[in-house]
Amino acid sequence: MPRSVNSVAAKARRKKILKAAKGYFGRRKNVHTVAKNAVEKGMQYAYRDRKNKKRIFRALWIQRINAGARLHGMSYSKFMGKIHSNGIKLNRKVLADLAMNHPETFKQLASSLN
């Protein structure tokens, strides 16, 4: 009895991997076994860095708020403490945007906290 293979599905699997490896350098883009390893590793990095991205942006927002607060004679922790004690419901993303792009609004906010 002849051996039965499903070349249609196998080819589709290989094609899917090679499509995901587009733009890679050398054999990583056109040799299935090498591309498979590269794509799997790339997906691991993508999963990990979707989580890290959130940490990195929070740190950036904190640095920007700190810089803006220090221009008005406060540290970051004192500024955020006063924000929370006054019941202002602005998150760090919005505060950082105010500090960077709307310094006059941030100045009014900081002066109202004193």
N, C-alpha and C. Protein backbone atom coordinates (compact mmCIF):
# COMPACT_ATOMS: atom_id res chain seq x y z
N MET A 1 0.85 -1.18 0.00
CA MET A 1 0.00 0.00 0.00
C MET A 1 0.90 1.25 0.00
N PRO A 2 0.63 2.21 -0.85
CA PRO A 2 1.49 3.40 -0.92
C PRO A 2 1.33 4.28 0.32
N ARG A 3 2.43 4.99 0.58
CA ARG A 3 2.44 5.89 1.75
C ARG A 3 1.55 7.10 1.45
N SER A 4 0.76 7.49 2.44
CA SER A 4 -0.15 8.62 2.26
C SER A 4 0.46 9.85 2.94
N VAL A 5 0.60 10.92 2.20
CA VAL A 5 1.13 12.17 2.76
C VAL A 5 0.17 13.30 2.43
N ASN A 6 0.19 14.28 3.25
CA ASN A 6 -0.67 15.43 3.03
C ASN A 6 0.21 16.61 2.64
N SER A 7 0.66 16.63 1.41
CA SER A 7 1.60 17.66 0.99
C SER A 7 0.96 19.04 0.94
N VAL A 8 -0.34 19.11 0.78
CA VAL A 8 -1.02 20.41 0.73
C VAL A 8 -0.88 21.11 2.07
N ALA A 9 -1.17 20.40 3.15
CA ALA A 9 -1.08 21.01 4.48
C ALA A 9 0.37 21.28 4.86
N ALA A 10 1.28 20.37 4.50
CA ALA A 10 2.70 20.56 4.83
C ALA A 10 3.26 21.79 4.13
N LYS A 11 2.90 21.94 2.87
CA LYS A 11 3.38 23.11 2.11
C LYS A 11 2.80 24.40 2.70
N ALA A 12 1.55 24.36 3.12
CA ALA A 12 0.91 25.54 3.71
C ALA A 12 1.62 25.92 5.02
N ARG A 13 1.98 24.90 5.82
CA ARG A 13 2.69 25.18 7.07
C ARG A 13 4.03 25.84 6.81
N ARG A 14 4.77 25.29 5.84
CA ARG A 14 6.08 25.86 5.51
C ARG A 14 5.95 27.27 4.95
N LYS A 15 4.93 27.46 4.13
CA LYS A 15 4.70 28.77 3.53
C LYS A 15 4.38 29.82 4.59
N LYS A 16 3.61 29.39 5.60
CA LYS A 16 3.23 30.30 6.68
C LYS A 16 4.47 30.77 7.45
N ILE A 17 5.39 29.83 7.72
CA ILE A 17 6.62 30.16 8.43
C ILE A 17 7.48 31.10 7.59
N LEU A 18 7.65 30.78 6.32
CA LEU A 18 8.49 31.61 5.46
C LEU A 18 7.90 33.00 5.24
N LYS A 19 6.59 33.08 5.25
CA LYS A 19 5.95 34.40 5.13
C LYS A 19 6.24 35.24 6.37
N ALA A 20 6.21 34.60 7.54
CA ALA A 20 6.50 35.32 8.78
C ALA A 20 7.97 35.73 8.87
N ALA A 21 8.85 35.02 8.13
CA ALA A 21 10.28 35.31 8.16
C ALA A 21 10.70 36.33 7.11
N LYS A 22 9.75 36.97 6.45
CA LYS A 22 10.07 37.97 5.44
C LYS A 22 10.87 39.10 6.07
N GLY A 23 11.92 39.52 5.40
CA GLY A 23 12.74 40.61 5.91
C GLY A 23 13.91 40.15 6.74
N TYR A 24 13.97 38.88 7.09
CA TYR A 24 15.10 38.35 7.84
C TYR A 24 16.31 38.26 6.91
N PHE A 25 17.51 38.15 7.48
CA PHE A 25 18.76 38.17 6.71
C PHE A 25 19.29 36.75 6.49
N GLY A 26 19.82 36.52 5.31
CA GLY A 26 20.49 35.25 5.02
C GLY A 26 19.53 34.09 4.92
N ARG A 27 19.97 32.93 5.41
CA ARG A 27 19.15 31.72 5.32
C ARG A 27 17.90 31.79 6.18
N ARG A 28 17.88 32.72 7.12
CA ARG A 28 16.73 32.83 8.02
C ARG A 28 15.46 33.16 7.25
N LYS A 29 15.59 33.71 6.04
CA LYS A 29 14.39 34.11 5.30
C LYS A 29 13.90 33.07 4.31
N ASN A 30 14.77 32.06 3.93
CA ASN A 30 14.32 31.18 2.87
C ASN A 30 14.57 29.69 3.11
N VAL A 31 15.20 29.33 4.22
CA VAL A 31 15.38 27.92 4.56
C VAL A 31 14.43 27.60 5.71
N HIS A 32 13.52 26.67 5.47
CA HIS A 32 12.43 26.45 6.41
C HIS A 32 12.92 26.14 7.82
N THR A 33 13.88 25.22 7.97
CA THR A 33 14.30 24.81 9.31
C THR A 33 14.94 25.96 10.07
N VAL A 34 15.71 26.80 9.37
CA VAL A 34 16.35 27.95 10.02
C VAL A 34 15.30 29.03 10.30
N ALA A 35 14.42 29.25 9.33
CA ALA A 35 13.39 30.28 9.48
C ALA A 35 12.44 29.94 10.62
N LYS A 36 12.15 28.65 10.79
CA LYS A 36 11.23 28.24 11.86
C LYS A 36 11.78 28.63 13.23
N ASN A 37 13.08 28.37 13.44
CA ASN A 37 13.70 28.75 14.72
C ASN A 37 13.69 30.26 14.91
N ALA A 38 14.00 31.00 13.84
CA ALA A 38 14.05 32.45 13.93
C ALA A 38 12.68 33.04 14.22
N VAL A 39 11.65 32.50 13.57
CA VAL A 39 10.29 33.01 13.77
C VAL A 39 9.80 32.70 15.19
N GLU A 40 10.08 31.49 15.67
CA GLU A 40 9.67 31.12 17.04
C GLU A 40 10.33 32.04 18.06
N LYS A 41 11.62 32.29 17.89
CA LYS A 41 12.33 33.17 18.81
C LYS A 41 11.79 34.59 18.73
N GLY A 42 11.49 35.03 17.51
CA GLY A 42 10.93 36.35 17.33
C GLY A 42 9.58 36.50 18.02
N MET A 43 8.78 35.44 17.98
CA MET A 43 7.48 35.50 18.65
C MET A 43 7.64 35.52 20.16
N GLN A 44 8.66 34.83 20.69
CA GLN A 44 8.93 34.89 22.13
C GLN A 44 9.29 36.31 22.54
N TYR A 45 10.16 36.94 21.74
CA TYR A 45 10.54 38.32 22.04
C TYR A 45 9.34 39.26 21.96
N ALA A 46 8.48 39.04 20.97
CA ALA A 46 7.31 39.90 20.79
C ALA A 46 6.38 39.79 21.99
N TYR A 47 6.17 38.55 22.48
CA TYR A 47 5.30 38.34 23.63
C TYR A 47 5.89 39.03 24.86
N ARG A 48 7.18 38.81 25.09
CA ARG A 48 7.84 39.40 26.26
C ARG A 48 7.80 40.93 26.19
N ASP A 49 8.08 41.49 25.01
CA ASP A 49 8.21 42.93 24.91
C ASP A 49 6.88 43.66 24.88
N ARG A 50 5.78 42.96 24.61
CA ARG A 50 4.47 43.60 24.79
C ARG A 50 4.25 43.94 26.26
N LYS A 51 4.80 43.10 27.15
CA LYS A 51 4.69 43.38 28.59
C LYS A 51 5.69 44.48 28.99
N ASN A 52 6.91 44.37 28.48
CA ASN A 52 7.96 45.34 28.84
C ASN A 52 7.63 46.75 28.37
N LYS A 53 6.93 46.85 27.26
CA LYS A 53 6.58 48.15 26.70
C LYS A 53 5.79 48.99 27.70
N LYS A 54 4.91 48.34 28.44
CA LYS A 54 4.10 49.04 29.42
C LYS A 54 4.97 49.60 30.54
N ARG A 55 5.97 48.80 30.98
CA ARG A 55 6.89 49.26 32.02
C ARG A 55 7.71 50.44 31.55
N ILE A 56 8.20 50.34 30.31
CA ILE A 56 9.07 51.38 29.77
C ILE A 56 8.31 52.70 29.64
N PHE A 57 7.08 52.63 29.17
CA PHE A 57 6.30 53.87 29.02
C PHE A 57 5.97 54.49 30.37
N ARG A 58 5.66 53.66 31.37
CA ARG A 58 5.38 54.21 32.69
C ARG A 58 6.60 54.93 33.24
N ALA A 59 7.78 54.33 33.06
CA ALA A 59 9.02 54.97 33.52
C ALA A 59 9.25 56.30 32.80
N LEU A 60 8.97 56.34 31.49
CA LEU A 60 9.12 57.57 30.72
C LEU A 60 8.18 58.65 31.23
N TRP A 61 6.92 58.27 31.49
CA TRP A 61 5.96 59.25 32.00
C TRP A 61 6.41 59.80 33.34
N ILE A 62 6.93 58.94 34.20
CA ILE A 62 7.39 59.39 35.52
C ILE A 62 8.55 60.38 35.37
N GLN A 63 9.48 60.11 34.46
CA GLN A 63 10.60 61.03 34.23
C GLN A 63 10.11 62.38 33.74
N ARG A 64 9.13 62.37 32.86
CA ARG A 64 8.62 63.64 32.33
C ARG A 64 7.87 64.43 33.39
N ILE A 65 7.08 63.75 34.19
CA ILE A 65 6.35 64.44 35.27
C ILE A 65 7.36 65.00 36.27
N ASN A 66 8.38 64.23 36.59
CA ASN A 66 9.41 64.67 37.54
C ASN A 66 10.11 65.92 37.03
N ALA A 67 10.46 65.94 35.74
CA ALA A 67 11.12 67.11 35.16
C ALA A 67 10.21 68.34 35.24
N GLY A 68 8.93 68.13 34.91
CA GLY A 68 7.99 69.25 34.98
C GLY A 68 7.76 69.72 36.40
N ALA A 69 7.69 68.80 37.34
CA ALA A 69 7.45 69.18 38.74
C ALA A 69 8.65 69.93 39.31
N ARG A 70 9.86 69.50 38.96
CA ARG A 70 11.06 70.16 39.48
C ARG A 70 11.21 71.58 38.95
N LEU A 71 10.65 71.87 37.78
CA LEU A 71 10.65 73.25 37.28
C LEU A 71 9.82 74.16 38.18
N HIS A 72 8.89 73.56 38.91
CA HIS A 72 8.01 74.33 39.80
C HIS A 72 8.31 74.06 41.27
N GLY A 73 9.53 73.59 41.55
CA GLY A 73 10.00 73.48 42.93
C GLY A 73 9.46 72.30 43.71
N MET A 74 9.10 71.22 43.04
CA MET A 74 8.61 70.03 43.74
C MET A 74 9.30 68.80 43.18
N SER A 75 9.40 67.78 44.02
CA SER A 75 9.88 66.49 43.51
C SER A 75 8.67 65.73 42.96
N TYR A 76 8.96 64.64 42.27
CA TYR A 76 7.90 63.82 41.70
C TYR A 76 6.98 63.28 42.79
N SER A 77 7.58 62.76 43.86
CA SER A 77 6.77 62.12 44.90
C SER A 77 5.88 63.13 45.62
N LYS A 78 6.41 64.33 45.86
CA LYS A 78 5.59 65.37 46.51
C LYS A 78 4.46 65.81 45.58
N PHE A 79 4.79 65.96 44.29
CA PHE A 79 3.79 66.36 43.30
C PHE A 79 2.67 65.35 43.23
N MET A 80 3.02 64.07 43.11
CA MET A 80 2.00 63.03 43.00
C MET A 80 1.20 62.89 44.30
N GLY A 81 1.87 63.09 45.42
CA GLY A 81 1.16 63.05 46.70
C GLY A 81 0.10 64.14 46.78
N LYS A 82 0.45 65.35 46.32
CA LYS A 82 -0.51 66.46 46.34
C LYS A 82 -1.63 66.24 45.32
N ILE A 83 -1.28 65.66 44.18
CA ILE A 83 -2.31 65.35 43.17
C ILE A 83 -3.36 64.42 43.77
N HIS A 84 -2.89 63.35 44.44
CA HIS A 84 -3.83 62.38 45.00
C HIS A 84 -4.60 62.95 46.19
N SER A 85 -3.94 63.74 47.03
CA SER A 85 -4.63 64.29 48.19
C SER A 85 -5.69 65.32 47.80
N ASN A 86 -5.48 65.99 46.67
CA ASN A 86 -6.48 66.95 46.19
C ASN A 86 -7.57 66.30 45.35
N GLY A 87 -7.48 65.00 45.16
CA GLY A 87 -8.52 64.28 44.44
C GLY A 87 -8.53 64.50 42.93
N ILE A 88 -7.38 64.84 42.36
CA ILE A 88 -7.29 65.05 40.92
C ILE A 88 -7.10 63.69 40.26
N LYS A 89 -7.99 63.33 39.35
CA LYS A 89 -8.01 61.99 38.76
C LYS A 89 -7.34 61.97 37.39
N LEU A 90 -6.12 62.50 37.29
CA LEU A 90 -5.37 62.44 36.03
C LEU A 90 -4.31 61.36 36.16
N ASN A 91 -4.21 60.50 35.15
CA ASN A 91 -3.19 59.45 35.22
C ASN A 91 -1.84 59.98 34.75
N ARG A 92 -0.80 59.15 34.90
CA ARG A 92 0.56 59.57 34.59
C ARG A 92 0.74 59.90 33.11
N LYS A 93 0.03 59.19 32.25
CA LYS A 93 0.14 59.45 30.81
C LYS A 93 -0.31 60.87 30.48
N VAL A 94 -1.43 61.27 31.05
CA VAL A 94 -1.97 62.61 30.79
C VAL A 94 -1.09 63.67 31.42
N LEU A 95 -0.64 63.43 32.66
CA LEU A 95 0.23 64.40 33.33
C LEU A 95 1.53 64.59 32.57
N ALA A 96 2.10 63.50 32.05
CA ALA A 96 3.33 63.61 31.28
C ALA A 96 3.10 64.39 30.00
N ASP A 97 1.96 64.19 29.35
CA ASP A 97 1.64 64.94 28.14
C ASP A 97 1.50 66.43 28.46
N LEU A 98 0.86 66.74 29.58
CA LEU A 98 0.74 68.15 29.98
C LEU A 98 2.12 68.74 30.24
N ALA A 99 2.98 68.01 30.93
CA ALA A 99 4.31 68.52 31.27
C ALA A 99 5.14 68.77 30.02
N MET A 100 5.00 67.91 29.01
CA MET A 100 5.82 68.05 27.80
C MET A 100 5.22 69.04 26.80
N ASN A 101 3.95 68.90 26.50
CA ASN A 101 3.36 69.62 25.38
C ASN A 101 2.55 70.85 25.77
N HIS A 102 2.14 70.93 27.03
CA HIS A 102 1.34 72.07 27.49
C HIS A 102 1.89 72.57 28.82
N PRO A 103 3.09 73.17 28.81
CA PRO A 103 3.73 73.55 30.08
C PRO A 103 2.96 74.62 30.85
N GLU A 104 2.21 75.48 30.15
CA GLU A 104 1.45 76.51 30.87
C GLU A 104 0.31 75.88 31.67
N THR A 105 -0.33 74.88 31.11
CA THR A 105 -1.39 74.17 31.84
C THR A 105 -0.81 73.41 33.02
N PHE A 106 0.35 72.78 32.81
CA PHE A 106 1.02 72.06 33.89
C PHE A 106 1.42 73.02 35.00
N LYS A 107 1.85 74.23 34.63
CA LYS A 107 2.24 75.25 35.62
C LYS A 107 1.03 75.65 36.47
N GLN A 108 -0.11 75.84 35.81
CA GLN A 108 -1.32 76.18 36.57
C GLN A 108 -1.71 75.06 37.52
N LEU A 109 -1.59 73.84 37.06
CA LEU A 109 -1.89 72.68 37.89
C LEU A 109 -0.96 72.62 39.09
N ALA A 110 0.35 72.82 38.85
CA ALA A 110 1.33 72.76 39.93
C ALA A 110 1.14 73.89 40.92
N SER A 111 0.80 75.08 40.43
CA SER A 111 0.61 76.22 41.33
C SER A 111 -0.68 76.08 42.16
N SER A 112 -1.65 75.39 41.63
CA SER A 112 -2.90 75.19 42.38
C SER A 112 -2.73 74.16 43.50
N LEU A 113 -1.66 73.37 43.44
CA LEU A 113 -1.43 72.36 44.47
C LEU A 113 -0.79 72.94 45.72
N ASN A 114 -0.08 74.07 45.59
CA ASN A 114 0.63 74.63 46.74
C ASN A 114 -0.25 75.20 47.79
